[in-house]
Amino acid sequence: MPARPLSGAEWGPGAPRKGLDLIVATRCEVCGKGTVTGRNIRSNVSQGWLLRAHKTSRKFKANVRDATIMVQGTPTKIHICTRCLRTRSKTTG
């Protein structure tokens, strides 16, 4: 049996993609660190002002993980950046 052609709803821009539709937290609930915008500057351009380096906009995303921590004796799941997770493991032993 030949494969049927996909309709526009099955492969278009709004189509569900396996494994790519996960919602990832981008802000730490402990320190508030989140996404910051910045610029990429090409490094292979020299000669001072004669050739200006190409610049493109980009996003710097915080390294946020899901972690279960004990809060007043109850396990609580929070979004925490790896810096806070490391600091917490150093201070709590």
Foldseek 3Di string as FASTA:
>chain_A
DDDDDDDCQCDDPNHDDPPPPDDDDQAAPPPGDGKDKDKDWDDPDDDPPPDGTDIDIDIDTFQWDWDWDADPNDTDIGIHGPVVVVVVVVVVD
